[in-house]
Amino acid sequence: METRISREIRVFLKRHGMPVLTLAKLSGVHHSILVRVLKGSRDMTSTNADNVRDAMLRYEAMHNAFRQSDGED
């Protein structure tokens, strides 16, 4: 069963070409949890989902700021 958080993770990883292991490190959520969530064999606690979403938002904010500053030179 695909959950909302698994869809969000899948879209994020595809959009940024990021490996699951990198997102795990950025979020502090164990790699095996993310893998099982993406496979649909496990759901995620709200704390872990919050940590993953925060990491994705930080990553996108950092990369958007970099792109904007890069274009201003």
PDB file of N, CA and C in Angstrom:
ATOM      1  N   MET A   1       0.841  -1.188   0.000  1.00  0.00           N
ATOM      2  CA  MET A   1       0.000   0.000   0.000  1.00  0.00           C
ATOM      3  C   MET A   1       0.880   1.242   0.000  1.00  0.00           C
ATOM      4  N   GLU A   2       0.638   2.122  -0.945  1.00  0.00           N
ATOM      5  CA  GLU A   2       1.402   3.364  -1.010  1.00  0.00           C
ATOM      6  C   GLU A   2       0.759   4.406  -0.097  1.00  0.00           C
ATOM      7  N   THR A   3       1.571   5.007   0.741  1.00  0.00           N
ATOM      8  CA  THR A   3       1.098   6.035   1.660  1.00  0.00           C
ATOM      9  C   THR A   3       1.496   7.402   1.136  1.00  0.00           C
ATOM     10  N   ARG A   4       0.950   8.411   1.762  1.00  0.00           N
ATOM     11  CA  ARG A   4       1.262   9.781   1.350  1.00  0.00           C
ATOM     12  C   ARG A   4       2.760  10.062   1.485  1.00  0.00           C
ATOM     13  N   ILE A   5       3.347   9.671   2.616  1.00  0.00           N
ATOM     14  CA  ILE A   5       4.764   9.938   2.813  1.00  0.00           C
ATOM     15  C   ILE A   5       5.616   9.160   1.819  1.00  0.00           C
ATOM     16  N   SER A   6       5.220   7.953   1.476  1.00  0.00           N
ATOM     17  CA  SER A   6       6.007   7.193   0.495  1.00  0.00           C
ATOM     18  C   SER A   6       5.955   7.854  -0.875  1.00  0.00           C
ATOM     19  N   ARG A   7       4.802   8.408  -1.246  1.00  0.00           N
ATOM     20  CA  ARG A   7       4.704   9.145  -2.517  1.00  0.00           C
ATOM     21  C   ARG A   7       5.581  10.384  -2.485  1.00  0.00           C
ATOM     22  N   GLU A   8       5.543  11.117  -1.369  1.00  0.00           N
ATOM     23  CA  GLU A   8       6.351  12.335  -1.246  1.00  0.00           C
ATOM     24  C   GLU A   8       7.837  12.005  -1.363  1.00  0.00           C
ATOM     25  N   ILE A   9       8.256  10.945  -0.699  1.00  0.00           N
ATOM     26  CA  ILE A   9       9.663  10.544  -0.749  1.00  0.00           C
ATOM     27  C   ILE A   9      10.048  10.139  -2.160  1.00  0.00           C
ATOM     28  N   ARG A  10       9.221   9.314  -2.789  1.00  0.00           N
ATOM     29  CA  ARG A  10       9.508   8.839  -4.141  1.00  0.00           C
ATOM     30  C   ARG A  10       9.645  10.005  -5.132  1.00  0.00           C
ATOM     31  N   VAL A  11       8.731  10.954  -5.061  1.00  0.00           N
ATOM     32  CA  VAL A  11       8.780  12.118  -5.956  1.00  0.00           C
ATOM     33  C   VAL A  11      10.038  12.940  -5.690  1.00  0.00           C
ATOM     34  N   PHE A  12      10.332  13.165  -4.409  1.00  0.00           N
ATOM     35  CA  PHE A  12      11.516  13.945  -4.042  1.00  0.00           C
ATOM     36  C   PHE A  12      12.791  13.281  -4.546  1.00  0.00           C
ATOM     37  N   LEU A  13      12.938  11.994  -4.297  1.00  0.00           N
ATOM     38  CA  LEU A  13      14.145  11.284  -4.718  1.00  0.00           C
ATOM     39  C   LEU A  13      14.315  11.327  -6.228  1.00  0.00           C
ATOM     40  N   LYS A  14      13.232  11.146  -6.947  1.00  0.00           N
ATOM     41  CA  LYS A  14      13.288  11.179  -8.412  1.00  0.00           C
ATOM     42  C   LYS A  14      13.634  12.579  -8.912  1.00  0.00           C
ATOM     43  N   ARG A  15      12.991  13.588  -8.340  1.00  0.00           N
ATOM     44  CA  ARG A  15      13.212  14.977  -8.766  1.00  0.00           C
ATOM     45  C   ARG A  15      14.670  15.388  -8.589  1.00  0.00           C
ATOM     46  N   HIS A  16      15.285  14.942  -7.520  1.00  0.00           N
ATOM     47  CA  HIS A  16      16.643  15.376  -7.211  1.00  0.00           C
ATOM     48  C   HIS A  16      17.702  14.332  -7.542  1.00  0.00           C
ATOM     49  N   GLY A  17      17.277  13.172  -8.048  1.00  0.00           N
ATOM     50  CA  GLY A  17      18.230  12.124  -8.370  1.00  0.00           C
ATOM     51  C   GLY A  17      19.033  11.694  -7.151  1.00  0.00           C
ATOM     52  N   MET A  18      18.366  11.683  -6.015  1.00  0.00           N
ATOM     53  CA  MET A  18      19.035  11.415  -4.746  1.00  0.00           C
ATOM     54  C   MET A  18      18.850   9.959  -4.339  1.00  0.00           C
ATOM     55  N   PRO A  19      19.914   9.326  -3.870  1.00  0.00           N
ATOM     56  CA  PRO A  19      19.778   7.971  -3.328  1.00  0.00           C
ATOM     57  C   PRO A  19      19.055   7.988  -1.979  1.00  0.00           C
ATOM     58  N   VAL A  20      18.402   6.902  -1.653  1.00  0.00           N
ATOM     59  CA  VAL A  20      17.679   6.782  -0.383  1.00  0.00           C
ATOM     60  C   VAL A  20      18.637   6.984   0.791  1.00  0.00           C
ATOM     61  N   LEU A  21      19.845   6.486   0.670  1.00  0.00           N
ATOM     62  CA  LEU A  21      20.819   6.598   1.755  1.00  0.00           C
ATOM     63  C   LEU A  21      21.121   8.062   2.086  1.00  0.00           C
ATOM     64  N   THR A  22      21.181   8.903   1.089  1.00  0.00           N
ATOM     65  CA  THR A  22      21.438  10.329   1.322  1.00  0.00           C
ATOM     66  C   THR A  22      20.288  10.960   2.089  1.00  0.00           C
ATOM     67  N   LEU A  23      19.058  10.659   1.690  1.00  0.00           N
ATOM     68  CA  LEU A  23      17.905  11.192   2.412  1.00  0.00           C
ATOM     69  C   LEU A  23      17.880  10.670   3.844  1.00  0.00           C
ATOM     70  N   ALA A  24      18.263   9.435   4.034  1.00  0.00           N
ATOM     71  CA  ALA A  24      18.318   8.874   5.386  1.00  0.00           C
ATOM     72  C   ALA A  24      19.300   9.665   6.243  1.00  0.00           C
ATOM     73  N   LYS A  25      20.462   9.960   5.703  1.00  0.00           N
ATOM     74  CA  LYS A  25      21.459  10.722   6.449  1.00  0.00           C
ATOM     75  C   LYS A  25      20.977  12.140   6.737  1.00  0.00           C
ATOM     76  N   LEU A  26      20.345  12.773   5.766  1.00  0.00           N
ATOM     77  CA  LEU A  26      19.852  14.140   5.960  1.00  0.00           C
ATOM     78  C   LEU A  26      18.740  14.220   6.998  1.00  0.00           C
ATOM     79  N   SER A  27      17.924  13.170   7.065  1.00  0.00           N
ATOM     80  CA  SER A  27      16.750  13.192   7.933  1.00  0.00           C
ATOM     81  C   SER A  27      16.985  12.560   9.303  1.00  0.00           C
ATOM     82  N   GLY A  28      18.014  11.732   9.403  1.00  0.00           N
ATOM     83  CA  GLY A  28      18.240  11.012  10.649  1.00  0.00           C
ATOM     84  C   GLY A  28      17.335   9.801  10.817  1.00  0.00           C
ATOM     85  N   VAL A  29      16.644   9.429   9.745  1.00  0.00           N
ATOM     86  CA  VAL A  29      15.779   8.245   9.761  1.00  0.00           C
ATOM     87  C   VAL A  29      16.576   7.100   9.135  1.00  0.00           C
ATOM     88  N   HIS A  30      16.587   5.962   9.811  1.00  0.00           N
ATOM     89  CA  HIS A  30      17.411   4.840   9.351  1.00  0.00           C
ATOM     90  C   HIS A  30      17.047   4.442   7.924  1.00  0.00           C
ATOM     91  N   HIS A  31      18.091   4.159   7.162  1.00  0.00           N
ATOM     92  CA  HIS A  31      17.960   3.775   5.757  1.00  0.00           C
ATOM     93  C   HIS A  31      16.963   2.632   5.564  1.00  0.00           C
ATOM     94  N   SER A  32      17.017   1.627   6.424  1.00  0.00           N
ATOM     95  CA  SER A  32      16.138   0.469   6.260  1.00  0.00           C
ATOM     96  C   SER A  32      14.666   0.837   6.431  1.00  0.00           C
ATOM     97  N   ILE A  33      14.389   1.818   7.260  1.00  0.00           N
ATOM     98  CA  ILE A  33      12.998   2.274   7.428  1.00  0.00           C
ATOM     99  C   ILE A  33      12.505   2.896   6.133  1.00  0.00           C
ATOM    100  N   LEU A  34      13.329   3.766   5.543  1.00  0.00           N
ATOM    101  CA  LEU A  34      12.920   4.404   4.285  1.00  0.00           C
ATOM    102  C   LEU A  34      12.716   3.373   3.183  1.00  0.00           C
ATOM    103  N   VAL A  35      13.589   2.407   3.102  1.00  0.00           N
ATOM    104  CA  VAL A  35      13.467   1.366   2.072  1.00  0.00           C
ATOM    105  C   VAL A  35      12.164   0.594   2.241  1.00  0.00           C
ATOM    106  N   ARG A  36      11.865   0.205   3.480  1.00  0.00           N
ATOM    107  CA  ARG A  36      10.632  -0.558   3.721  1.00  0.00           C
ATOM    108  C   ARG A  36       9.383   0.283   3.476  1.00  0.00           C
ATOM    109  N   VAL A  37       9.438   1.573   3.793  1.00  0.00           N
ATOM    110  CA  VAL A  37       8.301   2.464   3.515  1.00  0.00           C
ATOM    111  C   VAL A  37       8.093   2.557   2.006  1.00  0.00           C
ATOM    112  N   LEU A  38       9.172   2.695   1.257  1.00  0.00           N
ATOM    113  CA  LEU A  38       9.064   2.792  -0.199  1.00  0.00           C
ATOM    114  C   LEU A  38       8.584   1.493  -0.829  1.00  0.00           C
ATOM    115  N   LYS A  39       8.914   0.367  -0.222  1.00  0.00           N
ATOM    116  CA  LYS A  39       8.438  -0.928  -0.724  1.00  0.00           C
ATOM    117  C   LYS A  39       6.985  -1.190  -0.338  1.00  0.00           C
ATOM    118  N   GLY A  40       6.476  -0.404   0.618  1.00  0.00           N
ATOM    119  CA  GLY A  40       5.103  -0.604   1.064  1.00  0.00           C
ATOM    120  C   GLY A  40       4.953  -1.655   2.137  1.00  0.00           C
ATOM    121  N   SER A  41       6.065  -2.122   2.684  1.00  0.00           N
ATOM    122  CA  SER A  41       5.983  -3.164   3.705  1.00  0.00           C
ATOM    123  C   SER A  41       5.973  -2.593   5.117  1.00  0.00           C
ATOM    124  N   ARG A  42       6.045  -1.290   5.229  1.00  0.00           N
ATOM    125  CA  ARG A  42       6.048  -0.656   6.541  1.00  0.00           C
ATOM    126  C   ARG A  42       5.484   0.751   6.422  1.00  0.00           C
ATOM    127  N   ASP A  43       4.785   1.186   7.454  1.00  0.00           N
ATOM    128  CA  ASP A  43       4.363   2.575   7.548  1.00  0.00           C
ATOM    129  C   ASP A  43       5.416   3.317   8.354  1.00  0.00           C
ATOM    130  N   MET A  44       5.288   4.613   8.465  1.00  0.00           N
ATOM    131  CA  MET A  44       6.279   5.425   9.150  1.00  0.00           C
ATOM    132  C   MET A  44       5.622   6.156  10.307  1.00  0.00           C
ATOM    133  N   THR A  45       6.332   6.253  11.424  1.00  0.00           N
ATOM    134  CA  THR A  45       5.795   7.011  12.551  1.00  0.00           C
ATOM    135  C   THR A  45       5.721   8.491  12.162  1.00  0.00           C
ATOM    136  N   SER A  46       4.871   9.217  12.838  1.00  0.00           N
ATOM    137  CA  SER A  46       4.717  10.635  12.512  1.00  0.00           C
ATOM    138  C   SER A  46       6.004  11.410  12.784  1.00  0.00           C
ATOM    139  N   THR A  47       6.760  11.013  13.809  1.00  0.00           N
ATOM    140  CA  THR A  47       8.031  11.685  14.095  1.00  0.00           C
ATOM    141  C   THR A  47       9.017  11.490  12.953  1.00  0.00           C
ATOM    142  N   ASN A  48       9.133  10.260  12.470  1.00  0.00           N
ATOM    143  CA  ASN A  48      10.030  10.005  11.339  1.00  0.00           C
ATOM    144  C   ASN A  48       9.551  10.712  10.079  1.00  0.00           C
ATOM    145  N   ALA A  49       8.254  10.716   9.845  1.00  0.00           N
ATOM    146  CA  ALA A  49       7.717  11.411   8.669  1.00  0.00           C
ATOM    147  C   ALA A  49       8.020  12.904   8.757  1.00  0.00           C
ATOM    148  N   ASP A  50       7.869  13.476   9.936  1.00  0.00           N
ATOM    149  CA  ASP A  50       8.201  14.897  10.133  1.00  0.00           C
ATOM    150  C   ASP A  50       9.679  15.147   9.863  1.00  0.00           C
ATOM    151  N   ASN A  51      10.544  14.258  10.341  1.00  0.00           N
ATOM    152  CA  ASN A  51      11.985  14.413  10.120  1.00  0.00           C
ATOM    153  C   ASN A  51      12.339  14.332   8.637  1.00  0.00           C
ATOM    154  N   VAL A  52      11.712  13.414   7.924  1.00  0.00           N
ATOM    155  CA  VAL A  52      11.965  13.272   6.488  1.00  0.00           C
ATOM    156  C   VAL A  52      11.462  14.515   5.744  1.00  0.00           C
ATOM    157  N   ARG A  53      10.259  14.958   6.062  1.00  0.00           N
ATOM    158  CA  ARG A  53       9.718  16.152   5.398  1.00  0.00           C
ATOM    159  C   ARG A  53      10.573  17.379   5.680  1.00  0.00           C
ATOM    160  N   ASP A  54      11.029  17.535   6.914  1.00  0.00           N
ATOM    161  CA  ASP A  54      11.907  18.663   7.247  1.00  0.00           C
ATOM    162  C   ASP A  54      13.199  18.602   6.438  1.00  0.00           C
ATOM    163  N   ALA A  55      13.777  17.424   6.325  1.00  0.00           N
ATOM    164  CA  ALA A  55      15.012  17.269   5.551  1.00  0.00           C
ATOM    165  C   ALA A  55      14.786  17.600   4.077  1.00  0.00           C
ATOM    166  N   MET A  56      13.660  17.162   3.530  1.00  0.00           N
ATOM    167  CA  MET A  56      13.363  17.457   2.121  1.00  0.00           C
ATOM    168  C   MET A  56      13.171  18.953   1.918  1.00  0.00           C
ATOM    169  N   LEU A  57      12.478  19.605   2.846  1.00  0.00           N
ATOM    170  CA  LEU A  57      12.275  21.055   2.743  1.00  0.00           C
ATOM    171  C   LEU A  57      13.601  21.808   2.856  1.00  0.00           C
ATOM    172  N   ARG A  58      14.450  21.414   3.799  1.00  0.00           N
ATOM    173  CA  ARG A  58      15.758  22.066   3.955  1.00  0.00           C
ATOM    174  C   ARG A  58      16.595  21.896   2.694  1.00  0.00           C
ATOM    175  N   TYR A  59      16.596  20.691   2.152  1.00  0.00           N
ATOM    176  CA  TYR A  59      17.375  20.414   0.944  1.00  0.00           C
ATOM    177  C   TYR A  59      16.881  21.285  -0.216  1.00  0.00           C
ATOM    178  N   GLU A  60      15.577  21.325  -0.412  1.00  0.00           N
ATOM    179  CA  GLU A  60      15.042  22.120  -1.516  1.00  0.00           C
ATOM    180  C   GLU A  60      15.289  23.610  -1.307  1.00  0.00           C
ATOM    181  N   ALA A  61      15.151  24.099  -0.085  1.00  0.00           N
ATOM    182  CA  ALA A  61      15.399  25.510   0.191  1.00  0.00           C
ATOM    183  C   ALA A  61      16.862  25.853  -0.089  1.00  0.00           C
ATOM    184  N   MET A  62      17.765  24.991   0.342  1.00  0.00           N
ATOM    185  CA  MET A  62      19.189  25.225   0.125  1.00  0.00           C
ATOM    186  C   MET A  62      19.515  25.232  -1.366  1.00  0.00           C
ATOM    187  N   HIS A  63      18.960  24.280  -2.101  1.00  0.00           N
ATOM    188  CA  HIS A  63      19.263  24.206  -3.523  1.00  0.00           C
ATOM    189  C   HIS A  63      18.575  25.307  -4.324  1.00  0.00           C
ATOM    190  N   ASN A  64      17.400  25.726  -3.909  1.00  0.00           N
ATOM    191  CA  ASN A  64      16.747  26.850  -4.579  1.00  0.00           C
ATOM    192  C   ASN A  64      17.517  28.138  -4.339  1.00  0.00           C
ATOM    193  N   ALA A  65      18.009  28.346  -3.127  1.00  0.00           N
ATOM    194  CA  ALA A  65      18.798  29.533  -2.815  1.00  0.00           C
ATOM    195  C   ALA A  65      20.100  29.526  -3.623  1.00  0.00           C
ATOM    196  N   PHE A  66      20.712  28.351  -3.747  1.00  0.00           N
ATOM    197  CA  PHE A  66      21.948  28.233  -4.531  1.00  0.00           C
ATOM    198  C   PHE A  66      21.683  28.571  -5.993  1.00  0.00           C
ATOM    199  N   ARG A  67      20.601  28.051  -6.541  1.00  0.00           N
ATOM    200  CA  ARG A  67      20.271  28.329  -7.940  1.00  0.00           C
ATOM    201  C   ARG A  67      19.993  29.805  -8.170  1.00  0.00           C
ATOM    202  N   GLN A  68      19.307  30.435  -7.229  1.00  0.00           N
ATOM    203  CA  GLN A  68      19.001  31.858  -7.367  1.00  0.00           C
ATOM    204  C   GLN A  68      20.265  32.688  -7.279  1.00  0.00           C
ATOM    205  N   SER A  69      21.154  32.389  -6.336  1.00  0.00           N
ATOM    206  CA  SER A  69      22.389  33.162  -6.199  1.00  0.00           C
ATOM    207  C   SER A  69      23.319  32.901  -7.373  1.00  0.00           C
ATOM    208  N   ASP A  70      23.278  31.690  -7.913  1.00  0.00           N
ATOM    209  CA  ASP A  70      24.110  31.354  -9.056  1.00  0.00           C
ATOM    210  C   ASP A  70      23.654  32.136 -10.292  1.00  0.00           C
ATOM    211  N   GLY A  71      22.367  32.369 -10.414  1.00  0.00           N
ATOM    212  CA  GLY A  71      21.836  33.088 -11.572  1.00  0.00           C
ATOM    213  C   GLY A  71      22.023  34.594 -11.486  1.00  0.00           C
ATOM    214  N   GLU A  72      22.318  35.106 -10.315  1.00  0.00           N
ATOM    215  CA  GLU A  72      22.453  36.552 -10.153  1.00  0.00           C
ATOM    216  C   GLU A  72      23.832  37.070 -10.516  1.00  0.00           C
ATOM    217  N   ASP A  73      24.820  36.170 -10.612  1.00  0.00           N
ATOM    218  CA  ASP A  73      26.192  36.619 -10.921  1.00  0.00           C
ATOM    219  C   ASP A  73      26.343  37.024 -12.342  1.00  0.00           C
TER     220      ASP A  73
END
